[in-house]
Amino acid sequence: MPPKSAVNEAPSKPHEHNDTPTCDRPHVADSFRVRDIQTQVLNIPKAQRMAEFFSLLGDANRLRLLSVLAHQELCVCDLAAALNMSESAVSHQLRTLRAIRLVSYRKKGRQVFYSLLDRHVLELYQVVAEHLDEEVDAED
């Protein structure tokens, strides 16, 4: 059975509250283009894992921790002092960051030192920070 063509039922004029550009008239979607692009779409399990990952990053204190760890390895007490947070709060946030494999730790005597897990984490942090800086520069 051949694949059904998708029909774009977009209105010919956008609603006043919707300024997202759409096609002017309903038309049959290009089935070859659609089939080709479908191979590039994230599968649902991976999309769900990525959504969870990004939602866990959606915390200002976790991002502040990453910003410090992007520069150097630190123990929990130094992280807490640098961020003006309690050691308990820092430990709680680090536990979450460890769970999503963004940070690692090593013990030295009674101290626990945290660092970014690998270069991918550093690159992710740097790319997002750079992107946000570009937005600020563009507004100036």
Protein backbone atom coordinates (compact mmCIF):
# COMPACT_ATOMS: atom_id res chain seq x y z
CA MET A 1 0.00 0.00 0.00
CA PRO A 2 1.59 3.33 -1.01
CA PRO A 3 2.12 5.91 1.76
CA LYS A 4 -0.66 8.42 2.20
CA SER A 5 0.15 11.97 1.26
CA ALA A 6 -0.01 14.48 4.04
CA VAL A 7 -2.22 17.44 3.33
CA ASN A 8 -1.39 20.77 4.87
CA GLU A 9 -4.72 22.19 5.97
CA ALA A 10 -3.27 25.58 6.91
CA PRO A 11 -5.62 28.53 6.54
CA SER A 12 -4.89 30.85 3.63
CA LYS A 13 -4.54 33.83 5.98
CA PRO A 14 -2.76 33.58 9.32
CA HIS A 15 -4.84 34.38 12.38
CA GLU A 16 -4.03 37.68 14.04
CA HIS A 17 -2.68 35.90 17.15
CA ASN A 18 -0.57 33.52 15.04
CA ASP A 19 2.27 35.22 13.18
CA THR A 20 3.99 31.96 12.21
CA PRO A 21 4.35 31.79 8.44
CA THR A 22 2.51 28.89 6.80
CA CYS A 23 1.83 27.74 3.26
CA ASP A 24 -0.70 29.92 1.44
CA ARG A 25 -3.05 27.14 0.35
CA PRO A 26 -3.69 23.55 1.36
CA HIS A 27 -1.56 21.26 -0.78
CA VAL A 28 -0.31 17.70 -0.97
CA ALA A 29 3.01 17.22 0.80
CA ASP A 30 6.01 16.04 -1.21
CA SER A 31 6.02 12.34 -0.24
CA PHE A 32 9.62 11.81 -1.44
CA ARG A 33 10.91 14.73 0.63
CA VAL A 34 8.87 13.65 3.65
CA ARG A 35 10.09 10.04 3.43
CA ASP A 36 13.70 11.23 3.10
CA ILE A 37 13.49 13.57 6.09
CA GLN A 38 11.74 10.97 8.25
CA THR A 39 15.02 9.04 8.38
CA GLN A 40 16.55 12.08 10.11
CA VAL A 41 13.87 12.51 12.79
CA LEU A 42 14.86 11.55 16.34
CA ASN A 43 13.29 8.31 17.46
CA ILE A 44 10.85 8.72 20.35
CA PRO A 45 12.95 7.01 23.08
CA LYS A 46 16.00 9.16 22.26
CA ALA A 47 13.87 12.31 22.07
CA GLN A 48 12.42 11.51 25.50
CA ARG A 49 15.90 10.96 26.98
CA MET A 50 17.12 14.22 25.47
CA ALA A 51 14.06 16.10 26.78
CA GLU A 52 14.71 14.75 30.27
CA PHE A 53 18.38 15.70 29.98
CA PHE A 54 17.57 19.28 28.97
CA SER A 55 14.84 19.62 31.60
CA LEU A 56 17.37 18.64 34.27
CA LEU A 57 19.70 21.31 32.93
CA GLY A 58 16.88 23.85 33.28
CA ASP A 59 17.96 24.84 36.77
CA ALA A 60 19.98 28.02 37.34
CA ASN A 61 22.00 26.55 40.21
CA ARG A 62 23.01 23.50 38.16
CA LEU A 63 24.11 25.77 35.34
CA ARG A 64 26.07 27.94 37.78
CA LEU A 65 27.83 24.80 39.02
CA LEU A 66 28.70 23.84 35.47
CA SER A 67 30.01 27.35 34.80
CA VAL A 68 32.49 27.02 37.66
CA LEU A 69 33.46 23.45 36.79
CA ALA A 70 34.05 24.52 33.18
CA HIS A 71 37.10 26.35 34.52
CA GLN A 72 38.46 24.03 37.18
CA GLU A 73 37.92 21.05 39.44
CA LEU A 74 36.76 22.03 42.93
CA CYS A 75 35.73 20.38 46.17
CA VAL A 76 32.18 20.69 47.46
CA CYS A 77 33.06 23.23 50.14
CA ASP A 78 34.82 25.51 47.61
CA LEU A 79 31.91 25.20 45.18
CA ALA A 80 29.48 26.12 47.97
CA ALA A 81 31.54 29.16 48.95
CA ALA A 82 32.02 30.32 45.35
CA LEU A 83 28.30 30.06 44.61
CA ASN A 84 27.11 31.31 48.01
CA MET A 85 25.14 28.10 48.56
CA SER A 86 25.09 25.57 51.36
CA GLU A 87 27.20 22.44 50.96
CA SER A 88 24.01 20.41 51.23
CA ALA A 89 22.39 22.31 48.35
CA VAL A 90 25.53 21.95 46.23
CA SER A 91 25.71 18.21 46.96
CA HIS A 92 22.06 17.81 45.99
CA GLN A 93 22.62 19.55 42.65
CA LEU A 94 25.84 17.62 42.00
CA ARG A 95 23.98 14.35 42.59
CA THR A 96 21.56 15.30 39.80
CA LEU A 97 24.41 16.32 37.50
CA ARG A 98 26.14 13.00 38.20
CA ALA A 99 22.92 11.11 37.42
CA ILE A 100 22.82 12.61 33.92
CA ARG A 101 26.56 12.03 33.50
CA LEU A 102 27.69 15.65 33.36
CA VAL A 103 30.10 15.62 36.29
CA SER A 104 32.41 13.12 37.90
CA TYR A 105 34.19 13.13 41.22
CA ARG A 106 37.30 11.87 42.90
CA LYS A 107 38.06 11.54 46.58
CA LYS A 108 41.23 12.83 48.18
CA GLY A 109 41.22 11.99 51.84
CA ARG A 110 38.01 13.41 53.27
CA GLN A 111 37.47 15.85 50.41
CA VAL A 112 35.47 15.17 47.26
CA PHE A 113 36.51 17.01 44.10
CA TYR A 114 34.13 17.48 41.19
CA SER A 115 34.89 18.14 37.53
CA LEU A 116 33.07 18.01 34.22
CA LEU A 117 32.82 14.42 33.06
CA ASP A 118 34.37 14.89 29.61
CA ARG A 119 35.00 17.32 26.78
CA HIS A 120 31.43 16.90 25.45
CA VAL A 121 30.05 18.48 28.60
CA LEU A 122 32.49 21.37 28.31
CA GLU A 123 31.63 21.81 24.62
CA LEU A 124 27.89 21.75 25.38
CA TYR A 125 28.34 24.43 28.05
CA GLN A 126 30.58 26.58 25.82
CA VAL A 127 28.28 26.37 22.78
CA VAL A 128 25.20 27.39 24.77
CA ALA A 129 27.08 30.23 26.49
CA GLU A 130 28.41 31.45 23.13
CA HIS A 131 24.94 31.26 21.58
CA LEU A 132 23.46 33.35 24.37
CA ASP A 133 26.28 35.89 24.07
CA GLU A 134 25.52 36.21 20.33
CA GLU A 135 21.89 37.00 21.14
CA VAL A 136 22.99 39.77 23.52
CA ASP A 137 25.45 41.15 20.95
CA ALA A 138 22.74 41.17 18.26
CA GLU A 139 20.41 43.20 20.52
CA ASP A 140 23.03 45.92 21.12
